[in-house]
Every structure is written in C-alpha cells, then in structure tokens.
Amino acid sequence: LALLDIMMPRLDGFAVLRKIREVSRIPAIMLTAKDQDYDKILGLELGADDYITKPYNPLEVVARIKAQLRRNYDYWREQKEEKQELSYRGVKLNIMEGTLKRGQRNIEVTSTEFRILQMLLERPGTIFTKQQIFERVWEEPYAGDDNTVMVHISNLRKKLEEGEEGEPFIRTIKGLGYKVEKGI
C-alpha cells in the first residue's frame, strides 16, 4: 500500500501516484493537509483509493489502511484461486502443479520460462515490455539487458511451437514487447 502526501519534496504526491498507476494497482491513500474539493477530486481521479485530510485520527487511518489491504488482497486471492489452470491454443499451464501440457504431452520448461508464460497467459492481449517481464520474473531492477528476456522467450517459443504452423504462440510487438493474443 502507498501512503502519499501531496506536498512532498521533488515530486508531489499526485506525480508519484501517476507513476505508481502506470505500473501497479496497489492500494494508494492520500494523507494530506490539502482539503480543498479540487485536490480530493483530483487525487481520487488519478487513482487514489482513499483521501484523508489532516488533522486526522490515527486510529481511523489505521482502520482505513486495513480496509484497503483487506479489500485488495481478498480480491487478488479470489482471482488467483479461480485460475489454477491457464489455457491457450491447446496448451495448459497448471499453476498449482507447475506443469505445462499440450494435449497429453508434457512440455518441460524452466521455472523462469514457467513464470514468463504464466505472466503472459494471466493477461492475454496485454503487451509486456522486457522491463516488466524482467522485474516481475527475476524480482530485481531491470538493468537494460534485453538478451536475458529474449533468450527465454526464444526458448519458450521453440518448446511451444514445435510441430505447429501459423501464428507464433508468443507474439513480438516491435518496439514494445511481447504478448499472447486474447480469446484464442
């Protein structure tokens, strides 16, 4: 959860919130002395989940934080529990078992390849940049090494497209990143 004040040095809270919303849906609460309607509306329209003005009751702030976390993590837990198996073009990725199959044939993939494929299949139609893939899969800041992601995507393609004709399983969107098509 992000707890932001509007009046911060360098970047204000609104700018920070915009940057957060470019990459994440984590809960965000504005906690600030700016109590004008305009500021509240702007904060909420930029993606804040709550807006608390000073002076505030610390117990109320804690209760609102707990409510946001409960709402957010219950939602994501429900989403993940629903999707234990992801399917695409005859390939099934079983998240709980850690298996990948095409029909009855098991496809051996590394844990890194598994996580990349899971990321793509969880959000079909979404283009993921190399940086997004790297930071989610390796859980480290991206240092600009394009080859690491490209090699794993290439290996996945070879394993998934063996004997297949037509559209590539994982599409490259030039200058942007990679995706699997929606609804295939």
N, C-alpha and C. Protein backbone atom coordinates (compact mmCIF):
# COMPACT_ATOMS: atom_id res chain seq x y z
N LEU A 1 0.84 -1.18 0.00
CA LEU A 1 0.00 0.00 0.00
C LEU A 1 0.88 1.24 0.00
N ALA A 2 0.47 2.25 -0.76
CA ALA A 2 1.21 3.52 -0.80
C ALA A 2 0.42 4.56 -0.01
N LEU A 3 1.10 5.21 0.92
CA LEU A 3 0.52 6.28 1.71
C LEU A 3 1.24 7.56 1.29
N LEU A 4 0.53 8.46 0.63
CA LEU A 4 1.16 9.62 -0.02
C LEU A 4 0.66 10.94 0.52
N ASP A 5 1.57 11.89 0.67
CA ASP A 5 1.22 13.27 0.96
C ASP A 5 1.36 14.03 -0.35
N ILE A 6 0.51 15.01 -0.58
CA ILE A 6 0.62 15.79 -1.81
C ILE A 6 1.88 16.64 -1.80
N MET A 7 2.14 17.27 -0.65
CA MET A 7 3.27 18.21 -0.56
C MET A 7 4.52 17.46 -0.11
N MET A 8 5.24 16.92 -1.09
CA MET A 8 6.49 16.21 -0.82
C MET A 8 7.60 16.90 -1.61
N PRO A 9 8.85 16.75 -1.17
CA PRO A 9 9.95 17.35 -1.93
C PRO A 9 10.12 16.65 -3.28
N ARG A 10 10.68 17.36 -4.24
CA ARG A 10 10.93 16.89 -5.61
C ARG A 10 9.62 16.60 -6.34
N LEU A 11 9.07 15.39 -6.22
CA LEU A 11 7.80 15.06 -6.87
C LEU A 11 6.67 15.24 -5.86
N ASP A 12 5.55 15.84 -6.30
CA ASP A 12 4.43 15.92 -5.37
C ASP A 12 3.68 14.58 -5.37
N GLY A 13 2.78 14.41 -4.44
CA GLY A 13 2.05 13.15 -4.29
C GLY A 13 1.24 12.77 -5.52
N PHE A 14 0.71 13.78 -6.23
CA PHE A 14 -0.04 13.48 -7.45
C PHE A 14 0.86 12.85 -8.51
N ALA A 15 2.08 13.41 -8.67
CA ALA A 15 3.02 12.87 -9.67
C ALA A 15 3.44 11.45 -9.29
N VAL A 16 3.67 11.22 -8.00
CA VAL A 16 4.04 9.87 -7.55
C VAL A 16 2.90 8.90 -7.82
N LEU A 17 1.68 9.33 -7.54
CA LEU A 17 0.51 8.48 -7.78
C LEU A 17 0.39 8.14 -9.27
N ARG A 18 0.61 9.12 -10.15
CA ARG A 18 0.56 8.85 -11.59
C ARG A 18 1.59 7.78 -11.98
N LYS A 19 2.81 7.91 -11.45
CA LYS A 19 3.86 6.93 -11.77
C LYS A 19 3.50 5.55 -11.24
N ILE A 20 2.95 5.49 -10.04
CA ILE A 20 2.53 4.20 -9.47
C ILE A 20 1.47 3.56 -10.36
N ARG A 21 0.48 4.35 -10.79
CA ARG A 21 -0.62 3.80 -11.60
C ARG A 21 -0.17 3.36 -12.98
N GLU A 22 0.96 3.82 -13.45
CA GLU A 22 1.49 3.35 -14.74
C GLU A 22 1.89 1.88 -14.67
N VAL A 23 2.28 1.42 -13.48
CA VAL A 23 2.82 0.06 -13.37
C VAL A 23 2.13 -0.83 -12.36
N SER A 24 1.24 -0.26 -11.52
CA SER A 24 0.71 -1.08 -10.42
C SER A 24 -0.71 -0.68 -10.04
N ARG A 25 -1.41 -1.63 -9.47
CA ARG A 25 -2.76 -1.39 -8.93
C ARG A 25 -2.77 -1.50 -7.41
N ILE A 26 -1.64 -1.33 -6.76
CA ILE A 26 -1.61 -1.42 -5.30
C ILE A 26 -2.52 -0.35 -4.71
N PRO A 27 -3.08 -0.59 -3.54
CA PRO A 27 -3.91 0.44 -2.90
C PRO A 27 -3.07 1.68 -2.62
N ALA A 28 -3.67 2.86 -2.81
CA ALA A 28 -2.98 4.13 -2.55
C ALA A 28 -3.93 5.04 -1.78
N ILE A 29 -3.42 5.60 -0.71
CA ILE A 29 -4.19 6.52 0.12
C ILE A 29 -3.45 7.85 0.17
N MET A 30 -4.17 8.93 -0.12
CA MET A 30 -3.61 10.27 0.02
C MET A 30 -3.86 10.70 1.47
N LEU A 31 -2.83 11.15 2.16
CA LEU A 31 -2.92 11.62 3.55
C LEU A 31 -2.27 12.99 3.56
N THR A 32 -3.08 14.06 3.58
CA THR A 32 -2.55 15.38 3.28
C THR A 32 -3.31 16.50 3.96
N ALA A 33 -2.67 17.65 4.05
CA ALA A 33 -3.30 18.84 4.61
C ALA A 33 -4.18 19.54 3.56
N LYS A 34 -4.01 19.21 2.31
CA LYS A 34 -4.80 19.84 1.24
C LYS A 34 -6.23 19.30 1.29
N ASP A 35 -7.14 20.14 1.76
CA ASP A 35 -8.51 19.68 1.99
C ASP A 35 -9.53 20.33 1.06
N GLN A 36 -9.06 20.96 -0.01
CA GLN A 36 -9.98 21.56 -0.98
C GLN A 36 -10.63 20.45 -1.81
N ASP A 37 -11.88 20.69 -2.20
CA ASP A 37 -12.60 19.71 -3.01
C ASP A 37 -11.82 19.36 -4.27
N TYR A 38 -11.22 20.38 -4.90
CA TYR A 38 -10.46 20.16 -6.13
C TYR A 38 -9.34 19.13 -5.90
N ASP A 39 -8.59 19.26 -4.79
CA ASP A 39 -7.50 18.34 -4.51
C ASP A 39 -8.01 16.92 -4.26
N LYS A 40 -9.12 16.82 -3.53
CA LYS A 40 -9.70 15.50 -3.24
C LYS A 40 -10.14 14.81 -4.54
N ILE A 41 -10.85 15.58 -5.38
CA ILE A 41 -11.34 15.02 -6.64
C ILE A 41 -10.18 14.61 -7.53
N LEU A 42 -9.16 15.47 -7.64
CA LEU A 42 -8.00 15.16 -8.46
C LEU A 42 -7.31 13.88 -7.96
N GLY A 43 -7.10 13.78 -6.66
CA GLY A 43 -6.44 12.60 -6.09
C GLY A 43 -7.21 11.32 -6.40
N LEU A 44 -8.53 11.37 -6.22
CA LEU A 44 -9.34 10.18 -6.48
C LEU A 44 -9.39 9.85 -7.98
N GLU A 45 -9.45 10.88 -8.83
CA GLU A 45 -9.47 10.62 -10.27
C GLU A 45 -8.14 10.09 -10.79
N LEU A 46 -7.05 10.44 -10.13
CA LEU A 46 -5.74 9.93 -10.54
C LEU A 46 -5.52 8.48 -10.10
N GLY A 47 -6.41 7.98 -9.24
CA GLY A 47 -6.30 6.58 -8.85
C GLY A 47 -6.13 6.31 -7.38
N ALA A 48 -6.23 7.34 -6.53
CA ALA A 48 -6.16 7.10 -5.09
C ALA A 48 -7.40 6.31 -4.67
N ASP A 49 -7.23 5.40 -3.76
CA ASP A 49 -8.34 4.59 -3.28
C ASP A 49 -9.05 5.25 -2.10
N ASP A 50 -8.38 6.19 -1.47
CA ASP A 50 -8.95 6.91 -0.33
C ASP A 50 -8.21 8.24 -0.20
N TYR A 51 -8.84 9.22 0.48
CA TYR A 51 -8.24 10.54 0.64
C TYR A 51 -8.56 11.00 2.06
N ILE A 52 -7.54 11.17 2.86
CA ILE A 52 -7.71 11.56 4.25
C ILE A 52 -7.02 12.90 4.46
N THR A 53 -7.74 13.85 5.10
CA THR A 53 -7.15 15.17 5.33
C THR A 53 -6.71 15.32 6.78
N LYS A 54 -5.66 16.16 6.94
CA LYS A 54 -5.16 16.48 8.27
C LYS A 54 -6.02 17.60 8.85
N PRO A 55 -6.25 17.67 10.14
CA PRO A 55 -5.82 16.71 11.15
C PRO A 55 -6.66 15.44 11.05
N TYR A 56 -6.08 14.33 11.42
CA TYR A 56 -6.76 13.05 11.31
C TYR A 56 -6.60 12.29 12.62
N ASN A 57 -7.48 11.31 12.80
CA ASN A 57 -7.40 10.41 13.94
C ASN A 57 -6.53 9.23 13.52
N PRO A 58 -5.40 9.00 14.17
CA PRO A 58 -4.51 7.90 13.76
C PRO A 58 -5.20 6.53 13.73
N LEU A 59 -6.14 6.32 14.64
CA LEU A 59 -6.86 5.03 14.65
C LEU A 59 -7.73 4.88 13.40
N GLU A 60 -8.30 5.99 12.94
CA GLU A 60 -9.09 5.95 11.71
C GLU A 60 -8.20 5.65 10.51
N VAL A 61 -7.00 6.24 10.48
CA VAL A 61 -6.07 5.99 9.38
C VAL A 61 -5.70 4.51 9.35
N VAL A 62 -5.39 3.93 10.52
CA VAL A 62 -5.05 2.51 10.59
C VAL A 62 -6.23 1.66 10.11
N ALA A 63 -7.44 2.01 10.51
CA ALA A 63 -8.63 1.26 10.09
C ALA A 63 -8.82 1.34 8.58
N ARG A 64 -8.60 2.52 7.99
CA ARG A 64 -8.75 2.67 6.53
C ARG A 64 -7.67 1.90 5.78
N ILE A 65 -6.45 1.88 6.32
CA ILE A 65 -5.37 1.10 5.70
C ILE A 65 -5.72 -0.38 5.73
N LYS A 66 -6.18 -0.86 6.88
CA LYS A 66 -6.57 -2.27 6.99
C LYS A 66 -7.69 -2.61 6.02
N ALA A 67 -8.67 -1.70 5.87
CA ALA A 67 -9.79 -1.95 4.95
C ALA A 67 -9.29 -2.05 3.51
N GLN A 68 -8.39 -1.16 3.11
CA GLN A 68 -7.85 -1.20 1.75
C GLN A 68 -7.07 -2.49 1.50
N LEU A 69 -6.24 -2.86 2.47
CA LEU A 69 -5.46 -4.09 2.32
C LEU A 69 -6.37 -5.31 2.26
N ARG A 70 -7.37 -5.34 3.12
CA ARG A 70 -8.30 -6.47 3.14
C ARG A 70 -9.02 -6.58 1.80
N ARG A 71 -9.54 -5.45 1.30
CA ARG A 71 -10.25 -5.44 0.03
C ARG A 71 -9.34 -5.87 -1.11
N ASN A 72 -8.15 -5.32 -1.15
CA ASN A 72 -7.22 -5.60 -2.24
C ASN A 72 -6.75 -7.04 -2.23
N TYR A 73 -6.30 -7.53 -1.11
CA TYR A 73 -5.72 -8.86 -1.09
C TYR A 73 -6.78 -9.95 -1.13
N ASP A 74 -7.97 -9.70 -0.62
CA ASP A 74 -9.05 -10.67 -0.79
C ASP A 74 -9.41 -10.77 -2.27
N TYR A 75 -9.44 -9.64 -2.97
CA TYR A 75 -9.75 -9.64 -4.41
C TYR A 75 -8.72 -10.45 -5.18
N TRP A 76 -7.41 -10.19 -4.95
CA TRP A 76 -6.38 -10.90 -5.69
C TRP A 76 -6.33 -12.37 -5.33
N ARG A 77 -6.60 -12.71 -4.05
CA ARG A 77 -6.63 -14.11 -3.65
C ARG A 77 -7.76 -14.83 -4.40
N GLU A 78 -8.94 -14.18 -4.49
CA GLU A 78 -10.05 -14.78 -5.22
C GLU A 78 -9.69 -14.99 -6.68
N GLN A 79 -9.05 -14.01 -7.30
CA GLN A 79 -8.66 -14.11 -8.70
C GLN A 79 -7.70 -15.27 -8.91
N LYS A 80 -6.71 -15.41 -8.03
CA LYS A 80 -5.70 -16.46 -8.20
C LYS A 80 -6.30 -17.84 -7.93
N GLU A 81 -7.21 -17.93 -6.94
CA GLU A 81 -7.82 -19.22 -6.64
C GLU A 81 -8.68 -19.70 -7.80
N GLU A 82 -9.35 -18.76 -8.48
CA GLU A 82 -10.18 -19.13 -9.61
C GLU A 82 -9.36 -19.71 -10.76
N LYS A 83 -8.18 -19.15 -11.00
CA LYS A 83 -7.38 -19.53 -12.15
C LYS A 83 -6.22 -20.43 -11.72
N GLN A 84 -6.50 -21.71 -11.55
CA GLN A 84 -5.44 -22.66 -11.22
C GLN A 84 -4.83 -23.24 -12.48
N GLU A 85 -5.57 -23.11 -13.58
CA GLU A 85 -5.06 -23.61 -14.85
C GLU A 85 -5.35 -22.57 -15.92
N LEU A 86 -4.34 -22.25 -16.70
CA LEU A 86 -4.47 -21.29 -17.78
C LEU A 86 -4.34 -22.04 -19.10
N SER A 87 -5.25 -21.79 -20.03
CA SER A 87 -5.24 -22.48 -21.32
C SER A 87 -5.11 -21.49 -22.45
N TYR A 88 -4.40 -21.92 -23.49
CA TYR A 88 -4.22 -21.08 -24.67
C TYR A 88 -3.78 -21.97 -25.82
N ARG A 89 -4.54 -21.93 -26.92
CA ARG A 89 -4.21 -22.69 -28.14
C ARG A 89 -3.80 -24.14 -27.86
N GLY A 90 -4.57 -24.83 -27.04
CA GLY A 90 -4.31 -26.24 -26.78
C GLY A 90 -3.22 -26.51 -25.76
N VAL A 91 -2.66 -25.48 -25.18
CA VAL A 91 -1.63 -25.63 -24.16
C VAL A 91 -2.24 -25.30 -22.81
N LYS A 92 -1.95 -26.12 -21.81
CA LYS A 92 -2.49 -25.90 -20.47
C LYS A 92 -1.35 -25.74 -19.47
N LEU A 93 -1.39 -24.62 -18.75
CA LEU A 93 -0.41 -24.32 -17.72
C LEU A 93 -1.12 -24.47 -16.38
N ASN A 94 -0.73 -25.50 -15.63
CA ASN A 94 -1.34 -25.73 -14.32
C ASN A 94 -0.46 -25.07 -13.26
N ILE A 95 -0.96 -24.00 -12.68
CA ILE A 95 -0.20 -23.20 -11.73
C ILE A 95 0.05 -23.97 -10.44
N MET A 96 -0.94 -24.69 -9.98
CA MET A 96 -0.81 -25.42 -8.71
C MET A 96 0.19 -26.57 -8.82
N GLU A 97 0.16 -27.27 -9.93
CA GLU A 97 1.05 -28.42 -10.12
C GLU A 97 2.39 -28.04 -10.74
N GLY A 98 2.45 -26.86 -11.34
CA GLY A 98 3.69 -26.43 -12.00
C GLY A 98 3.97 -27.21 -13.27
N THR A 99 2.90 -27.56 -13.99
CA THR A 99 3.07 -28.36 -15.21
C THR A 99 2.57 -27.60 -16.43
N LEU A 100 3.14 -27.96 -17.58
CA LEU A 100 2.73 -27.41 -18.86
C LEU A 100 2.49 -28.58 -19.80
N LYS A 101 1.31 -28.60 -20.44
CA LYS A 101 0.95 -29.71 -21.33
C LYS A 101 0.35 -29.19 -22.62
N ARG A 102 0.62 -29.92 -23.68
CA ARG A 102 -0.09 -29.76 -24.94
C ARG A 102 -0.75 -31.11 -25.19
N GLY A 103 -2.06 -31.13 -25.07
CA GLY A 103 -2.78 -32.40 -25.12
C GLY A 103 -2.34 -33.27 -23.94
N GLN A 104 -1.86 -34.48 -24.23
CA GLN A 104 -1.37 -35.37 -23.17
C GLN A 104 0.14 -35.28 -22.97
N ARG A 105 0.81 -34.52 -23.86
CA ARG A 105 2.27 -34.44 -23.82
C ARG A 105 2.73 -33.34 -22.85
N ASN A 106 3.59 -33.72 -21.93
CA ASN A 106 4.20 -32.75 -21.02
C ASN A 106 5.28 -31.97 -21.77
N ILE A 107 5.35 -30.68 -21.50
CA ILE A 107 6.39 -29.83 -22.06
C ILE A 107 7.27 -29.38 -20.89
N GLU A 108 8.52 -29.72 -20.97
CA GLU A 108 9.46 -29.36 -19.91
C GLU A 108 9.91 -27.91 -20.09
N VAL A 109 9.72 -27.11 -19.04
CA VAL A 109 10.17 -25.71 -19.07
C VAL A 109 10.90 -25.42 -17.77
N THR A 110 11.76 -24.42 -17.81
CA THR A 110 12.46 -23.99 -16.59
C THR A 110 11.49 -23.18 -15.74
N SER A 111 11.85 -22.94 -14.50
CA SER A 111 10.98 -22.14 -13.63
C SER A 111 10.84 -20.72 -14.17
N THR A 112 11.89 -20.20 -14.76
CA THR A 112 11.84 -18.85 -15.33
C THR A 112 10.88 -18.83 -16.52
N GLU A 113 10.97 -19.81 -17.39
CA GLU A 113 10.06 -19.89 -18.54
C GLU A 113 8.62 -20.05 -18.06
N PHE A 114 8.42 -20.84 -17.02
CA PHE A 114 7.08 -21.05 -16.46
C PHE A 114 6.50 -19.73 -15.99
N ARG A 115 7.29 -18.94 -15.25
CA ARG A 115 6.81 -17.65 -14.72
C ARG A 115 6.53 -16.65 -15.85
N ILE A 116 7.35 -16.66 -16.88
CA ILE A 116 7.10 -15.76 -18.03
C ILE A 116 5.79 -16.14 -18.69
N LEU A 117 5.60 -17.43 -18.94
CA LEU A 117 4.38 -17.89 -19.60
C LEU A 117 3.15 -17.61 -18.74
N GLN A 118 3.28 -17.81 -17.43
CA GLN A 118 2.18 -17.52 -16.53
C GLN A 118 1.79 -16.05 -16.61
N MET A 119 2.78 -15.19 -16.62
CA MET A 119 2.54 -13.75 -16.71
C MET A 119 1.77 -13.40 -17.98
N LEU A 120 2.19 -13.96 -19.11
CA LEU A 120 1.55 -13.68 -20.39
C LEU A 120 0.13 -14.25 -20.45
N LEU A 121 -0.06 -15.47 -19.93
CA LEU A 121 -1.37 -16.12 -20.01
C LEU A 121 -2.39 -15.54 -19.02
N GLU A 122 -1.90 -14.97 -17.92
CA GLU A 122 -2.83 -14.37 -16.96
C GLU A 122 -3.50 -13.12 -17.52
N ARG A 123 -2.85 -12.46 -18.47
CA ARG A 123 -3.41 -11.24 -19.06
C ARG A 123 -3.26 -11.26 -20.57
N PRO A 124 -4.01 -12.15 -21.25
CA PRO A 124 -3.91 -12.22 -22.70
C PRO A 124 -4.32 -10.89 -23.33
N GLY A 125 -3.62 -10.55 -24.41
CA GLY A 125 -3.89 -9.30 -25.10
C GLY A 125 -3.07 -8.13 -24.57
N THR A 126 -2.48 -8.30 -23.39
CA THR A 126 -1.67 -7.24 -22.79
C THR A 126 -0.23 -7.37 -23.28
N ILE A 127 0.33 -6.24 -23.70
CA ILE A 127 1.73 -6.23 -24.13
C ILE A 127 2.59 -5.98 -22.90
N PHE A 128 3.57 -6.86 -22.68
CA PHE A 128 4.50 -6.70 -21.58
C PHE A 128 5.87 -6.33 -22.15
N THR A 129 6.45 -5.27 -21.61
CA THR A 129 7.79 -4.86 -22.04
C THR A 129 8.82 -5.82 -21.46
N LYS A 130 10.01 -5.78 -22.02
CA LYS A 130 11.10 -6.60 -21.47
C LYS A 130 11.36 -6.22 -20.03
N GLN A 131 11.27 -4.94 -19.74
CA GLN A 131 11.49 -4.47 -18.37
C GLN A 131 10.44 -5.03 -17.42
N GLN A 132 9.17 -5.00 -17.80
CA GLN A 132 8.12 -5.54 -16.95
C GLN A 132 8.32 -7.03 -16.71
N ILE A 133 8.65 -7.76 -17.76
CA ILE A 133 8.87 -9.20 -17.62
C ILE A 133 10.05 -9.45 -16.70
N PHE A 134 11.15 -8.78 -16.94
CA PHE A 134 12.35 -8.98 -16.12
C PHE A 134 12.07 -8.69 -14.65
N GLU A 135 11.47 -7.55 -14.37
CA GLU A 135 11.26 -7.15 -12.97
C GLU A 135 10.28 -8.05 -12.26
N ARG A 136 9.28 -8.58 -12.97
CA ARG A 136 8.33 -9.48 -12.30
C ARG A 136 8.91 -10.88 -12.11
N VAL A 137 9.56 -11.39 -13.13
CA VAL A 137 10.06 -12.76 -13.09
C VAL A 137 11.31 -12.89 -12.22
N TRP A 138 12.25 -11.98 -12.40
CA TRP A 138 13.50 -12.06 -11.64
C TRP A 138 13.44 -11.32 -10.31
N GLU A 139 12.39 -10.49 -10.15
CA GLU A 139 12.20 -9.70 -8.93
C GLU A 139 13.42 -8.86 -8.59
N GLU A 140 14.00 -8.26 -9.63
CA GLU A 140 15.16 -7.37 -9.50
C GLU A 140 14.95 -6.19 -10.43
N PRO A 141 15.61 -5.07 -10.14
CA PRO A 141 15.51 -3.93 -11.07
C PRO A 141 16.10 -4.29 -12.43
N TYR A 142 15.48 -3.79 -13.47
CA TYR A 142 15.92 -4.03 -14.85
C TYR A 142 17.15 -3.19 -15.14
N ALA A 143 18.20 -3.82 -15.65
CA ALA A 143 19.45 -3.11 -15.94
C ALA A 143 19.63 -2.86 -17.44
N GLY A 144 18.60 -3.12 -18.22
CA GLY A 144 18.67 -2.85 -19.65
C GLY A 144 19.24 -3.99 -20.48
N ASP A 145 19.39 -5.19 -19.90
CA ASP A 145 19.92 -6.33 -20.63
C ASP A 145 18.78 -7.03 -21.36
N ASP A 146 18.57 -6.66 -22.61
CA ASP A 146 17.47 -7.23 -23.41
C ASP A 146 17.67 -8.71 -23.68
N ASN A 147 18.91 -9.17 -23.79
CA ASN A 147 19.18 -10.55 -24.18
C ASN A 147 18.61 -11.57 -23.21
N THR A 148 18.62 -11.28 -21.93
CA THR A 148 18.13 -12.25 -20.94
C THR A 148 16.68 -12.63 -21.23
N VAL A 149 15.81 -11.64 -21.38
CA VAL A 149 14.40 -11.91 -21.65
C VAL A 149 14.23 -12.54 -23.02
N MET A 150 14.94 -12.02 -24.02
CA MET A 150 14.82 -12.53 -25.39
C MET A 150 15.19 -14.00 -25.50
N VAL A 151 16.22 -14.42 -24.80
CA VAL A 151 16.65 -15.83 -24.84
C VAL A 151 15.56 -16.72 -24.25
N HIS A 152 14.99 -16.32 -23.14
CA HIS A 152 13.94 -17.14 -22.52
C HIS A 152 12.68 -17.19 -23.38
N ILE A 153 12.31 -16.08 -24.00
CA ILE A 153 11.16 -16.06 -24.91
C ILE A 153 11.43 -16.98 -26.09
N SER A 154 12.64 -16.91 -26.64
CA SER A 154 13.01 -17.76 -27.78
C SER A 154 12.92 -19.24 -27.41
N ASN A 155 13.45 -19.60 -26.23
CA ASN A 155 13.38 -20.99 -25.78
C ASN A 155 11.93 -21.45 -25.60
N LEU A 156 11.10 -20.58 -25.03
CA LEU A 156 9.68 -20.91 -24.86
C LEU A 156 9.01 -21.13 -26.21
N ARG A 157 9.29 -20.27 -27.14
CA ARG A 157 8.70 -20.42 -28.48
C ARG A 157 9.06 -21.76 -29.09
N LYS A 158 10.33 -22.14 -29.02
CA LYS A 158 10.77 -23.43 -29.59
C LYS A 158 10.00 -24.58 -28.97
N LYS A 159 9.83 -24.55 -27.66
CA LYS A 159 9.14 -25.64 -26.96
C LYS A 159 7.64 -25.65 -27.25
N LEU A 160 7.04 -24.48 -27.37
CA LEU A 160 5.59 -24.39 -27.54
C LEU A 160 5.15 -24.53 -28.99
N GLU A 161 5.99 -24.14 -29.92
CA GLU A 161 5.60 -24.14 -31.33
C GLU A 161 6.10 -25.36 -32.09
N GLU A 162 6.70 -26.30 -31.38
CA GLU A 162 7.22 -27.50 -32.03
C GLU A 162 6.08 -28.22 -32.76
N GLY A 163 6.22 -28.36 -34.07
CA GLY A 163 5.21 -29.05 -34.87
C GLY A 163 3.99 -28.19 -35.18
N GLU A 164 3.97 -26.96 -34.80
CA GLU A 164 2.83 -26.07 -35.03
C GLU A 164 3.10 -25.18 -36.23
N GLU A 165 2.07 -24.88 -36.96
CA GLU A 165 2.17 -23.97 -38.10
C GLU A 165 1.31 -22.74 -37.81
N GLY A 166 1.60 -21.64 -38.48
CA GLY A 166 0.75 -20.46 -38.37
C GLY A 166 1.31 -19.41 -37.44
N GLU A 167 0.40 -18.72 -36.76
CA GLU A 167 0.76 -17.62 -35.88
C GLU A 167 1.69 -18.08 -34.76
N PRO A 168 2.66 -17.25 -34.40
CA PRO A 168 3.53 -17.61 -33.28
C PRO A 168 2.73 -17.64 -31.97
N PHE A 169 3.12 -18.51 -31.08
CA PHE A 169 2.46 -18.64 -29.78
C PHE A 169 2.61 -17.36 -28.98
N ILE A 170 3.83 -16.85 -28.90
CA ILE A 170 4.10 -15.58 -28.23
C ILE A 170 4.46 -14.58 -29.32
N ARG A 171 3.67 -13.51 -29.41
CA ARG A 171 3.90 -12.51 -30.45
C ARG A 171 4.85 -11.43 -29.98
N THR A 172 5.72 -11.01 -30.86
CA THR A 172 6.58 -9.85 -30.60
C THR A 172 5.88 -8.63 -31.18
N ILE A 173 5.73 -7.60 -30.37
CA ILE A 173 5.18 -6.34 -30.83
C ILE A 173 6.37 -5.39 -30.93
N LYS A 174 6.82 -5.14 -32.16
CA LYS A 174 8.06 -4.38 -32.39
C LYS A 174 8.10 -3.08 -31.60
N GLY A 175 9.22 -2.90 -30.89
CA GLY A 175 9.43 -1.68 -30.13
C GLY A 175 8.68 -1.60 -28.82
N LEU A 176 7.82 -2.61 -28.54
CA LEU A 176 7.02 -2.57 -27.32
C LEU A 176 7.30 -3.76 -26.40
N GLY A 177 7.11 -4.98 -26.90
CA GLY A 177 7.31 -6.13 -26.04
C GLY A 177 6.69 -7.40 -26.59
N TYR A 178 6.07 -8.18 -25.70
CA TYR A 178 5.54 -9.50 -26.04
C TYR A 178 4.13 -9.65 -25.50
N LYS A 179 3.35 -10.50 -26.18
CA LYS A 179 2.01 -10.81 -25.70
C LYS A 179 1.51 -12.11 -26.32
N VAL A 180 0.46 -12.66 -25.73
CA VAL A 180 -0.31 -13.72 -26.37
C VAL A 180 -1.66 -13.06 -26.70
N GLU A 181 -2.26 -13.52 -27.79
CA GLU A 181 -3.50 -12.90 -28.24
C GLU A 181 -4.65 -13.22 -27.27
N LYS A 182 -5.61 -12.34 -27.24
CA LYS A 182 -6.79 -12.51 -26.40
C LYS A 182 -7.79 -13.42 -27.09
N GLY A 183 -8.41 -14.31 -26.34
CA GLY A 183 -9.53 -15.09 -26.83
C GLY A 183 -9.24 -16.13 -27.88
N ILE A 184 -8.01 -16.64 -27.94
CA ILE A 184 -7.72 -17.71 -28.92
C ILE A 184 -7.75 -19.03 -28.20
